[in-house]
């Protein structure tokens, strides 16, 4: 991670759009806050009952699918990695394990 990683500020949706290729309905992070270098961060997704996955998961008792929670964590980490490494670094981030 770059030396200035601890100086990262909160990341808004416009910056997330520049960092990640994901778009609705598969963008699972709207804002990233409390960034502590490469140790931790909090990704925020504004969820409403109108999200497409709630129609079948589960009717009358909507629950956000766990795999989408993991995807949100992956997108949060990916955005931080790309931002911290700078504009000249590759824009692809892989998770090797969860």
PDB file of N, CA and C in Angstrom:
ATOM      1  N   UNK A   1       0.851  -1.173   0.000  1.00  0.00           N
ATOM      2  CA  UNK A   1       0.000   0.000   0.000  1.00  0.00           C
ATOM      3  C   UNK A   1       0.892   1.229   0.000  1.00  0.00           C
ATOM      4  N   UNK A   2       0.465   2.261  -0.641  1.00  0.00           N
ATOM      5  CA  UNK A   2       1.234   3.500  -0.714  1.00  0.00           C
ATOM      6  C   UNK A   2       1.390   4.114   0.675  1.00  0.00           C
ATOM      7  N   UNK A   3       2.451   4.881   0.856  1.00  0.00           N
ATOM      8  CA  UNK A   3       2.712   5.497   2.152  1.00  0.00           C
ATOM      9  C   UNK A   3       1.617   6.461   2.581  1.00  0.00           C
ATOM     10  N   UNK A   4       0.910   7.054   1.627  1.00  0.00           N
ATOM     11  CA  UNK A   4      -0.127   8.020   1.971  1.00  0.00           C
ATOM     12  C   UNK A   4      -1.486   7.375   2.202  1.00  0.00           C
ATOM     13  N   UNK A   5      -1.533   6.050   2.316  1.00  0.00           N
ATOM     14  CA  UNK A   5      -2.809   5.348   2.466  1.00  0.00           C
ATOM     15  C   UNK A   5      -3.561   5.795   3.709  1.00  0.00           C
ATOM     16  N   UNK A   6      -2.844   6.133   4.774  1.00  0.00           N
ATOM     17  CA  UNK A   6      -3.525   6.549   5.992  1.00  0.00           C
ATOM     18  C   UNK A   6      -4.138   7.933   5.849  1.00  0.00           C
ATOM     19  N   UNK A   7      -3.833   8.650   4.767  1.00  0.00           N
ATOM     20  CA  UNK A   7      -4.357   9.990   4.554  1.00  0.00           C
ATOM     21  C   UNK A   7      -5.620   9.988   3.695  1.00  0.00           C
ATOM     22  N   UNK A   8      -6.128   8.812   3.358  1.00  0.00           N
ATOM     23  CA  UNK A   8      -7.336   8.741   2.553  1.00  0.00           C
ATOM     24  C   UNK A   8      -8.504   9.361   3.306  1.00  0.00           C
ATOM     25  N   UNK A   9      -9.346  10.079   2.583  1.00  0.00           N
ATOM     26  CA  UNK A   9     -10.532  10.684   3.169  1.00  0.00           C
ATOM     27  C   UNK A   9     -11.746   9.871   2.746  1.00  0.00           C
ATOM     28  N   UNK A  10     -12.907  10.203   3.303  1.00  0.00           N
ATOM     29  CA  UNK A  10     -14.129   9.505   2.918  1.00  0.00           C
ATOM     30  C   UNK A  10     -14.296   9.547   1.403  1.00  0.00           C
ATOM     31  N   UNK A  11     -14.846   8.471   0.859  1.00  0.00           N
ATOM     32  CA  UNK A  11     -15.014   8.344  -0.585  1.00  0.00           C
ATOM     33  C   UNK A  11     -16.502   8.450  -0.909  1.00  0.00           C
ATOM     34  N   UNK A  12     -16.875   9.413  -1.750  1.00  0.00           N
ATOM     35  CA  UNK A  12     -18.276   9.601  -2.124  1.00  0.00           C
ATOM     36  C   UNK A  12     -18.602   8.811  -3.391  1.00  0.00           C
ATOM     37  N   UNK A  13     -19.866   8.821  -3.775  1.00  0.00           N
ATOM     38  CA  UNK A  13     -20.333   8.014  -4.899  1.00  0.00           C
ATOM     39  C   UNK A  13     -19.690   8.429  -6.215  1.00  0.00           C
ATOM     40  N   UNK A  14     -19.423   9.709  -6.417  1.00  0.00           N
ATOM     41  CA  UNK A  14     -18.788  10.148  -7.664  1.00  0.00           C
ATOM     42  C   UNK A  14     -17.388   9.554  -7.789  1.00  0.00           C
ATOM     43  N   UNK A  15     -16.657   9.501  -6.694  1.00  0.00           N
ATOM     44  CA  UNK A  15     -15.319   8.908  -6.716  1.00  0.00           C
ATOM     45  C   UNK A  15     -15.405   7.401  -6.901  1.00  0.00           C
ATOM     46  N   UNK A  16     -16.386   6.765  -6.269  1.00  0.00           N
ATOM     47  CA  UNK A  16     -16.571   5.322  -6.441  1.00  0.00           C
ATOM     48  C   UNK A  16     -16.836   4.999  -7.908  1.00  0.00           C
ATOM     49  N   UNK A  17     -17.648   5.815  -8.596  1.00  0.00           N
ATOM     50  CA  UNK A  17     -17.900   5.610 -10.028  1.00  0.00           C
ATOM     51  C   UNK A  17     -16.613   5.666 -10.840  1.00  0.00           C
ATOM     52  N   UNK A  18     -15.679   6.521 -10.440  1.00  0.00           N
ATOM     53  CA  UNK A  18     -14.402   6.625 -11.156  1.00  0.00           C
ATOM     54  C   UNK A  18     -13.492   5.434 -10.874  1.00  0.00           C
ATOM     55  N   UNK A  19     -13.635   4.840  -9.698  1.00  0.00           N
ATOM     56  CA  UNK A  19     -12.745   3.761  -9.285  1.00  0.00           C
ATOM     57  C   UNK A  19     -13.220   2.380  -9.706  1.00  0.00           C
ATOM     58  N   UNK A  20     -14.537   2.165  -9.693  1.00  0.00           N
ATOM     59  CA  UNK A  20     -15.084   0.830  -9.946  1.00  0.00           C
ATOM     60  C   UNK A  20     -15.889   0.788 -11.243  1.00  0.00           C
ATOM     61  N   UNK A  21     -15.872  -0.344 -11.941  1.00  0.00           N
ATOM     62  CA  UNK A  21     -16.673  -0.471 -13.158  1.00  0.00           C
ATOM     63  C   UNK A  21     -18.139  -0.805 -12.877  1.00  0.00           C
ATOM     64  N   UNK A  22     -18.473  -1.180 -11.660  1.00  0.00           N
ATOM     65  CA  UNK A  22     -19.821  -1.625 -11.314  1.00  0.00           C
ATOM     66  C   UNK A  22     -20.825  -0.474 -11.371  1.00  0.00           C
ATOM     67  N   UNK A  23     -22.039  -0.796 -11.798  1.00  0.00           N
ATOM     68  CA  UNK A  23     -23.143   0.165 -11.839  1.00  0.00           C
ATOM     69  C   UNK A  23     -24.413  -0.547 -11.358  1.00  0.00           C
ATOM     70  N   UNK A  24     -25.470   0.246 -11.119  1.00  0.00           N
ATOM     71  CA  UNK A  24     -26.746  -0.311 -10.699  1.00  0.00           C
ATOM     72  C   UNK A  24     -27.172  -1.387 -11.701  1.00  0.00           C
ATOM     73  N   UNK A  25     -27.672  -2.498 -11.245  1.00  0.00           N
ATOM     74  CA  UNK A  25     -28.013  -2.838  -9.871  1.00  0.00           C
ATOM     75  C   UNK A  25     -26.911  -3.584  -9.118  1.00  0.00           C
ATOM     76  N   UNK A  26     -25.703  -3.632  -9.671  1.00  0.00           N
ATOM     77  CA  UNK A  26     -24.667  -4.432  -9.021  1.00  0.00           C
ATOM     78  C   UNK A  26     -23.622  -3.611  -8.279  1.00  0.00           C
ATOM     79  N   UNK A  27     -23.801  -2.310  -8.168  1.00  0.00           N
ATOM     80  CA  UNK A  27     -22.914  -1.510  -7.331  1.00  0.00           C
ATOM     81  C   UNK A  27     -23.397  -1.657  -5.891  1.00  0.00           C
ATOM     82  N   UNK A  28     -22.579  -2.230  -5.040  1.00  0.00           N
ATOM     83  CA  UNK A  28     -22.989  -2.567  -3.675  1.00  0.00           C
ATOM     84  C   UNK A  28     -22.362  -1.675  -2.617  1.00  0.00           C
ATOM     85  N   UNK A  29     -21.844  -0.508  -3.022  1.00  0.00           N
ATOM     86  CA  UNK A  29     -21.308   0.447  -2.051  1.00  0.00           C
ATOM     87  C   UNK A  29     -21.590   1.852  -2.572  1.00  0.00           C
ATOM     88  N   UNK A  30     -22.149   2.705  -1.706  1.00  0.00           N
ATOM     89  CA  UNK A  30     -22.487   4.078  -2.077  1.00  0.00           C
ATOM     90  C   UNK A  30     -21.529   5.103  -1.472  1.00  0.00           C
ATOM     91  N   UNK A  31     -20.885   4.721  -0.386  1.00  0.00           N
ATOM     92  CA  UNK A  31     -19.977   5.645   0.304  1.00  0.00           C
ATOM     93  C   UNK A  31     -19.021   4.809   1.147  1.00  0.00           C
ATOM     94  N   UNK A  32     -17.785   5.296   1.306  1.00  0.00           N
ATOM     95  CA  UNK A  32     -16.799   4.611   2.140  1.00  0.00           C
ATOM     96  C   UNK A  32     -16.279   5.616   3.161  1.00  0.00           C
ATOM     97  N   UNK A  33     -16.348   5.235   4.431  1.00  0.00           N
ATOM     98  CA  UNK A  33     -15.958   6.137   5.523  1.00  0.00           C
ATOM     99  C   UNK A  33     -15.013   5.420   6.484  1.00  0.00           C
ATOM    100  N   UNK A  34     -14.507   6.165   7.435  1.00  0.00           N
ATOM    101  CA  UNK A  34     -13.645   5.627   8.498  1.00  0.00           C
ATOM    102  C   UNK A  34     -12.504   4.780   7.941  1.00  0.00           C
ATOM    103  N   UNK A  35     -11.823   5.305   6.935  1.00  0.00           N
ATOM    104  CA  UNK A  35     -10.729   4.578   6.300  1.00  0.00           C
ATOM    105  C   UNK A  35      -9.493   4.679   7.188  1.00  0.00           C
ATOM    106  N   UNK A  36      -8.940   3.529   7.538  1.00  0.00           N
ATOM    107  CA  UNK A  36      -7.728   3.456   8.353  1.00  0.00           C
ATOM    108  C   UNK A  36      -6.649   2.753   7.536  1.00  0.00           C
ATOM    109  N   UNK A  37      -6.071   3.484   6.585  1.00  0.00           N
ATOM    110  CA  UNK A  37      -5.036   2.905   5.726  1.00  0.00           C
ATOM    111  C   UNK A  37      -5.537   1.642   5.064  1.00  0.00           C
ATOM    112  N   UNK A  38      -4.728   0.569   5.146  1.00  0.00           N
ATOM    113  CA  UNK A  38      -5.178  -0.697   4.581  1.00  0.00           C
ATOM    114  C   UNK A  38      -5.633  -1.664   5.679  1.00  0.00           C
ATOM    115  N   UNK A  39      -5.921  -1.126   6.867  1.00  0.00           N
ATOM    116  CA  UNK A  39      -6.388  -1.962   7.974  1.00  0.00           C
ATOM    117  C   UNK A  39      -7.893  -2.161   7.980  1.00  0.00           C
ATOM    118  N   UNK A  40      -8.651  -1.085   7.756  1.00  0.00           N
ATOM    119  CA  UNK A  40     -10.103  -1.194   7.825  1.00  0.00           C
ATOM    120  C   UNK A  40     -10.768   0.018   7.187  1.00  0.00           C
ATOM    121  N   UNK A  41     -12.038  -0.158   6.877  1.00  0.00           N
ATOM    122  CA  UNK A  41     -12.891   0.912   6.359  1.00  0.00           C
ATOM    123  C   UNK A  41     -14.329   0.435   6.490  1.00  0.00           C
ATOM    124  N   UNK A  42     -15.253   1.365   6.379  1.00  0.00           N
ATOM    125  CA  UNK A  42     -16.673   1.024   6.418  1.00  0.00           C
ATOM    126  C   UNK A  42     -17.296   1.424   5.092  1.00  0.00           C
ATOM    127  N   UNK A  43     -17.866   0.438   4.397  1.00  0.00           N
ATOM    128  CA  UNK A  43     -18.605   0.697   3.167  1.00  0.00           C
ATOM    129  C   UNK A  43     -20.084   0.795   3.492  1.00  0.00           C
ATOM    130  N   UNK A  44     -20.752   1.789   2.923  1.00  0.00           N
ATOM    131  CA  UNK A  44     -22.173   2.014   3.190  1.00  0.00           C
ATOM    132  C   UNK A  44     -22.963   1.831   1.904  1.00  0.00           C
ATOM    133  N   UNK A  45     -24.019   1.038   1.976  1.00  0.00           N
ATOM    134  CA  UNK A  45     -24.942   0.837   0.860  1.00  0.00           C
ATOM    135  C   UNK A  45     -26.325   1.245   1.333  1.00  0.00           C
ATOM    136  N   UNK A  46     -26.939   2.197   0.659  1.00  0.00           N
ATOM    137  CA  UNK A  46     -28.313   2.593   0.978  1.00  0.00           C
ATOM    138  C   UNK A  46     -29.253   1.577   0.341  1.00  0.00           C
ATOM    139  N   UNK A  47     -29.956   0.842   1.169  1.00  0.00           N
ATOM    140  CA  UNK A  47     -30.827  -0.239   0.706  1.00  0.00           C
ATOM    141  C   UNK A  47     -32.280   0.140   0.975  1.00  0.00           C
ATOM    142  N   UNK A  48     -33.136  -0.083  -0.031  1.00  0.00           N
ATOM    143  CA  UNK A  48     -34.575   0.113   0.149  1.00  0.00           C
ATOM    144  C   UNK A  48     -35.296  -1.190  -0.164  1.00  0.00           C
ATOM    145  N   UNK A  49     -36.544  -1.269   0.216  1.00  0.00           N
ATOM    146  CA  UNK A  49     -37.333  -2.473  -0.046  1.00  0.00           C
ATOM    147  C   UNK A  49     -37.551  -2.683  -1.547  1.00  0.00           C
ATOM    148  N   UNK A  50     -37.287  -1.668  -2.361  1.00  0.00           N
ATOM    149  CA  UNK A  50     -37.476  -1.772  -3.811  1.00  0.00           C
ATOM    150  C   UNK A  50     -36.301  -2.404  -4.542  1.00  0.00           C
ATOM    151  N   UNK A  51     -35.247  -2.819  -3.842  1.00  0.00           N
ATOM    152  CA  UNK A  51     -34.108  -3.459  -4.503  1.00  0.00           C
ATOM    153  C   UNK A  51     -34.600  -4.715  -5.225  1.00  0.00           C
ATOM    154  N   UNK A  52     -34.102  -4.972  -6.441  1.00  0.00           N
ATOM    155  CA  UNK A  52     -34.617  -6.088  -7.239  1.00  0.00           C
ATOM    156  C   UNK A  52     -34.479  -7.456  -6.576  1.00  0.00           C
ATOM    157  N   UNK A  53     -33.451  -7.671  -5.781  1.00  0.00           N
ATOM    158  CA  UNK A  53     -33.248  -8.991  -5.174  1.00  0.00           C
ATOM    159  C   UNK A  53     -34.242  -9.286  -4.061  1.00  0.00           C
ATOM    160  N   UNK A  54     -34.913  -8.277  -3.514  1.00  0.00           N
ATOM    161  CA  UNK A  54     -35.888  -8.517  -2.457  1.00  0.00           C
ATOM    162  C   UNK A  54     -37.164  -9.183  -2.974  1.00  0.00           C
ATOM    163  N   UNK A  55     -37.446  -9.080  -4.263  1.00  0.00           N
ATOM    164  CA  UNK A  55     -38.671  -9.672  -4.819  1.00  0.00           C
ATOM    165  C   UNK A  55     -38.724 -11.180  -4.581  1.00  0.00           C
ATOM    166  N   UNK A  56     -37.576 -11.836  -4.595  1.00  0.00           N
ATOM    167  CA  UNK A  56     -37.589 -13.279  -4.419  1.00  0.00           C
ATOM    168  C   UNK A  56     -36.796 -13.763  -3.221  1.00  0.00           C
ATOM    169  N   UNK A  57     -36.273 -12.858  -2.420  1.00  0.00           N
ATOM    170  CA  UNK A  57     -35.397 -13.262  -1.309  1.00  0.00           C
ATOM    171  C   UNK A  57     -35.767 -12.512  -0.048  1.00  0.00           C
ATOM    172  N   UNK A  58     -36.716 -12.771   0.601  1.00  0.00           N
ATOM    173  CA  UNK A  58     -37.810 -13.722   0.438  1.00  0.00           C
ATOM    174  C   UNK A  58     -39.103 -12.930   0.416  1.00  0.00           C
ATOM    175  N   UNK A  59     -40.088 -13.319  -0.418  1.00  0.00           N
ATOM    176  CA  UNK A  59     -41.336 -12.560  -0.505  1.00  0.00           C
ATOM    177  C   UNK A  59     -41.980 -12.369   0.877  1.00  0.00           C
ATOM    178  N   UNK A  60     -42.258 -11.113   1.200  1.00  0.00           N
ATOM    179  CA  UNK A  60     -42.878 -10.801   2.479  1.00  0.00           C
ATOM    180  C   UNK A  60     -41.899 -10.678   3.638  1.00  0.00           C
ATOM    181  N   UNK A  61     -40.701 -11.204   3.478  1.00  0.00           N
ATOM    182  CA  UNK A  61     -39.662 -11.121   4.511  1.00  0.00           C
ATOM    183  C   UNK A  61     -38.320 -10.855   3.830  1.00  0.00           C
ATOM    184  N   UNK A  62     -38.133  -9.649   3.282  1.00  0.00           N
ATOM    185  CA  UNK A  62     -36.926  -9.368   2.504  1.00  0.00           C
ATOM    186  C   UNK A  62     -35.643  -9.445   3.333  1.00  0.00           C
ATOM    187  N   UNK A  63     -34.686 -10.181   2.801  1.00  0.00           N
ATOM    188  CA  UNK A  63     -33.364 -10.319   3.415  1.00  0.00           C
ATOM    189  C   UNK A  63     -32.326 -10.110   2.320  1.00  0.00           C
ATOM    190  N   UNK A  64     -31.350  -9.246   2.574  1.00  0.00           N
ATOM    191  CA  UNK A  64     -30.293  -9.035   1.588  1.00  0.00           C
ATOM    192  C   UNK A  64     -29.446 -10.302   1.508  1.00  0.00           C
ATOM    193  N   UNK A  65     -29.281 -10.862   0.310  1.00  0.00           N
ATOM    194  CA  UNK A  65     -28.498 -12.090   0.161  1.00  0.00           C
ATOM    195  C   UNK A  65     -27.065 -11.920   0.668  1.00  0.00           C
ATOM    196  N   UNK A  66     -26.582 -12.916   1.390  1.00  0.00           N
ATOM    197  CA  UNK A  66     -25.241 -12.869   1.956  1.00  0.00           C
ATOM    198  C   UNK A  66     -24.154 -12.671   0.921  1.00  0.00           C
ATOM    199  N   UNK A  67     -24.323 -13.257  -0.249  1.00  0.00           N
ATOM    200  CA  UNK A  67     -23.311 -13.103  -1.293  1.00  0.00           C
ATOM    201  C   UNK A  67     -23.196 -11.645  -1.733  1.00  0.00           C
ATOM    202  N   UNK A  68     -24.289 -10.877  -1.649  1.00  0.00           N
ATOM    203  CA  UNK A  68     -24.233  -9.453  -1.995  1.00  0.00           C
ATOM    204  C   UNK A  68     -23.552  -8.644  -0.889  1.00  0.00           C
ATOM    205  N   UNK A  69     -23.674  -9.093   0.350  1.00  0.00           N
ATOM    206  CA  UNK A  69     -22.926  -8.455   1.437  1.00  0.00           C
ATOM    207  C   UNK A  69     -21.423  -8.627   1.208  1.00  0.00           C
ATOM    208  N   UNK A  70     -21.028  -9.833   0.816  1.00  0.00           N
ATOM    209  CA  UNK A  70     -19.614 -10.095   0.524  1.00  0.00           C
ATOM    210  C   UNK A  70     -19.159  -9.270  -0.669  1.00  0.00           C
ATOM    211  N   UNK A  71     -19.997  -9.160  -1.692  1.00  0.00           N
ATOM    212  CA  UNK A  71     -19.659  -8.337  -2.855  1.00  0.00           C
ATOM    213  C   UNK A  71     -19.465  -6.880  -2.450  1.00  0.00           C
ATOM    214  N   UNK A  72     -20.294  -6.377  -1.550  1.00  0.00           N
ATOM    215  CA  UNK A  72     -20.128  -5.012  -1.054  1.00  0.00           C
ATOM    216  C   UNK A  72     -18.797  -4.821  -0.348  1.00  0.00           C
ATOM    217  N   UNK A  73     -18.393  -5.819   0.432  1.00  0.00           N
ATOM    218  CA  UNK A  73     -17.085  -5.750   1.092  1.00  0.00           C
ATOM    219  C   UNK A  73     -15.960  -5.769   0.061  1.00  0.00           C
ATOM    220  N   UNK A  74     -16.112  -6.605  -0.961  1.00  0.00           N
ATOM    221  CA  UNK A  74     -15.092  -6.683  -2.011  1.00  0.00           C
ATOM    222  C   UNK A  74     -14.982  -5.362  -2.766  1.00  0.00           C
ATOM    223  N   UNK A  75     -16.114  -4.751  -3.092  1.00  0.00           N
ATOM    224  CA  UNK A  75     -16.089  -3.473  -3.801  1.00  0.00           C
ATOM    225  C   UNK A  75     -15.477  -2.378  -2.933  1.00  0.00           C
ATOM    226  N   UNK A  76     -15.779  -2.391  -1.650  1.00  0.00           N
ATOM    227  CA  UNK A  76     -15.188  -1.412  -0.734  1.00  0.00           C
ATOM    228  C   UNK A  76     -13.671  -1.556  -0.712  1.00  0.00           C
ATOM    229  N   UNK A  77     -13.197  -2.772  -0.528  1.00  0.00           N
ATOM    230  CA  UNK A  77     -11.751  -3.015  -0.488  1.00  0.00           C
ATOM    231  C   UNK A  77     -11.095  -2.687  -1.824  1.00  0.00           C
ATOM    232  N   UNK A  78     -11.751  -3.045  -2.923  1.00  0.00           N
ATOM    233  CA  UNK A  78     -11.200  -2.747  -4.241  1.00  0.00           C
ATOM    234  C   UNK A  78     -11.054  -1.260  -4.483  1.00  0.00           C
ATOM    235  N   UNK A  79     -12.057  -0.489  -4.114  1.00  0.00           N
ATOM    236  CA  UNK A  79     -11.994   0.965  -4.301  1.00  0.00           C
ATOM    237  C   UNK A  79     -10.857   1.575  -3.493  1.00  0.00           C
ATOM    238  N   UNK A  80     -10.689   1.114  -2.265  1.00  0.00           N
ATOM    239  CA  UNK A  80      -9.613   1.637  -1.422  1.00  0.00           C
ATOM    240  C   UNK A  80      -8.250   1.273  -2.000  1.00  0.00           C
ATOM    241  N   UNK A  81      -8.094   0.033  -2.445  1.00  0.00           N
ATOM    242  CA  UNK A  81      -6.815  -0.393  -3.032  1.00  0.00           C
ATOM    243  C   UNK A  81      -6.470   0.435  -4.256  1.00  0.00           C
ATOM    244  N   UNK A  82      -7.423   0.619  -5.146  1.00  0.00           N
ATOM    245  CA  UNK A  82      -7.175   1.381  -6.373  1.00  0.00           C
ATOM    246  C   UNK A  82      -6.844   2.831  -6.039  1.00  0.00           C
ATOM    247  N   UNK A  83      -7.597   3.440  -5.143  1.00  0.00           N
ATOM    248  CA  UNK A  83      -7.356   4.837  -4.780  1.00  0.00           C
ATOM    249  C   UNK A  83      -5.994   5.015  -4.104  1.00  0.00           C
ATOM    250  N   UNK A  84      -5.659   4.113  -3.200  1.00  0.00           N
ATOM    251  CA  UNK A  84      -4.407   4.236  -2.454  1.00  0.00           C
ATOM    252  C   UNK A  84      -3.181   4.027  -3.334  1.00  0.00           C
ATOM    253  N   UNK A  85      -3.306   3.221  -4.366  1.00  0.00           N
ATOM    254  CA  UNK A  85      -2.157   2.920  -5.220  1.00  0.00           C
ATOM    255  C   UNK A  85      -1.927   3.966  -6.303  1.00  0.00           C
ATOM    256  N   UNK A  86      -2.892   4.833  -6.530  1.00  0.00           N
ATOM    257  CA  UNK A  86      -2.690   5.915  -7.485  1.00  0.00           C
ATOM    258  C   UNK A  86      -3.204   5.606  -8.878  1.00  0.00           C
ATOM    259  N   UNK A  87      -3.240   6.626  -9.708  1.00  0.00           N
ATOM    260  CA  UNK A  87      -3.837   6.540 -11.042  1.00  0.00           C
ATOM    261  C   UNK A  87      -3.052   5.662 -12.010  1.00  0.00           C
ATOM    262  N   UNK A  88      -1.742   5.503 -11.802  1.00  0.00           N
ATOM    263  CA  UNK A  88      -0.924   4.752 -12.747  1.00  0.00           C
ATOM    264  C   UNK A  88      -0.917   3.255 -12.492  1.00  0.00           C
ATOM    265  N   UNK A  89      -1.541   2.806 -11.424  1.00  0.00           N
ATOM    266  CA  UNK A  89      -1.533   1.382 -11.105  1.00  0.00           C
ATOM    267  C   UNK A  89      -2.685   0.670 -11.809  1.00  0.00           C
ATOM    268  N   UNK A  90      -2.589  -0.660 -11.950  1.00  0.00           N
ATOM    269  CA  UNK A  90      -3.685  -1.421 -12.574  1.00  0.00           C
ATOM    270  C   UNK A  90      -4.997  -1.230 -11.821  1.00  0.00           C
ATOM    271  N   UNK A  91      -6.110  -1.293 -12.550  1.00  0.00           N
ATOM    272  CA  UNK A  91      -7.432  -1.068 -11.962  1.00  0.00           C
ATOM    273  C   UNK A  91      -8.144  -2.371 -11.602  1.00  0.00           C
ATOM    274  N   UNK A  92      -7.418  -3.481 -11.574  1.00  0.00           N
ATOM    275  CA  UNK A  92      -8.026  -4.765 -11.261  1.00  0.00           C
ATOM    276  C   UNK A  92      -7.514  -5.229  -9.901  1.00  0.00           C
ATOM    277  N   UNK A  93      -8.442  -5.601  -9.022  1.00  0.00           N
ATOM    278  CA  UNK A  93      -8.093  -6.094  -7.695  1.00  0.00           C
ATOM    279  C   UNK A  93      -8.764  -7.451  -7.527  1.00  0.00           C
ATOM    280  N   UNK A  94      -8.015  -8.433  -7.063  1.00  0.00           N
ATOM    281  CA  UNK A  94      -8.549  -9.775  -6.849  1.00  0.00           C
ATOM    282  C   UNK A  94      -8.499 -10.141  -5.376  1.00  0.00           C
ATOM    283  N   UNK A  95      -9.539 -10.817  -4.893  1.00  0.00           N
ATOM    284  CA  UNK A  95      -9.490 -11.435  -3.580  1.00  0.00           C
ATOM    285  C   UNK A  95      -8.991 -12.856  -3.773  1.00  0.00           C
ATOM    286  N   UNK A  96      -8.040 -13.250  -2.975  1.00  0.00           N
ATOM    287  CA  UNK A  96      -7.514 -14.607  -3.069  1.00  0.00           C
ATOM    288  C   UNK A  96      -8.233 -15.546  -2.105  1.00  0.00           C
ATOM    289  N   UNK A  97      -8.813 -14.981  -1.053  1.00  0.00           N
ATOM    290  CA  UNK A  97      -9.551 -15.775  -0.082  1.00  0.00           C
ATOM    291  C   UNK A  97     -10.482 -14.845   0.705  1.00  0.00           C
ATOM    292  N   UNK A  98     -11.467 -15.423   1.340  1.00  0.00           N
ATOM    293  CA  UNK A  98     -12.381 -14.636   2.176  1.00  0.00           C
ATOM    294  C   UNK A  98     -12.375 -15.243   3.564  1.00  0.00           C
TER     295      UNK A  98
END
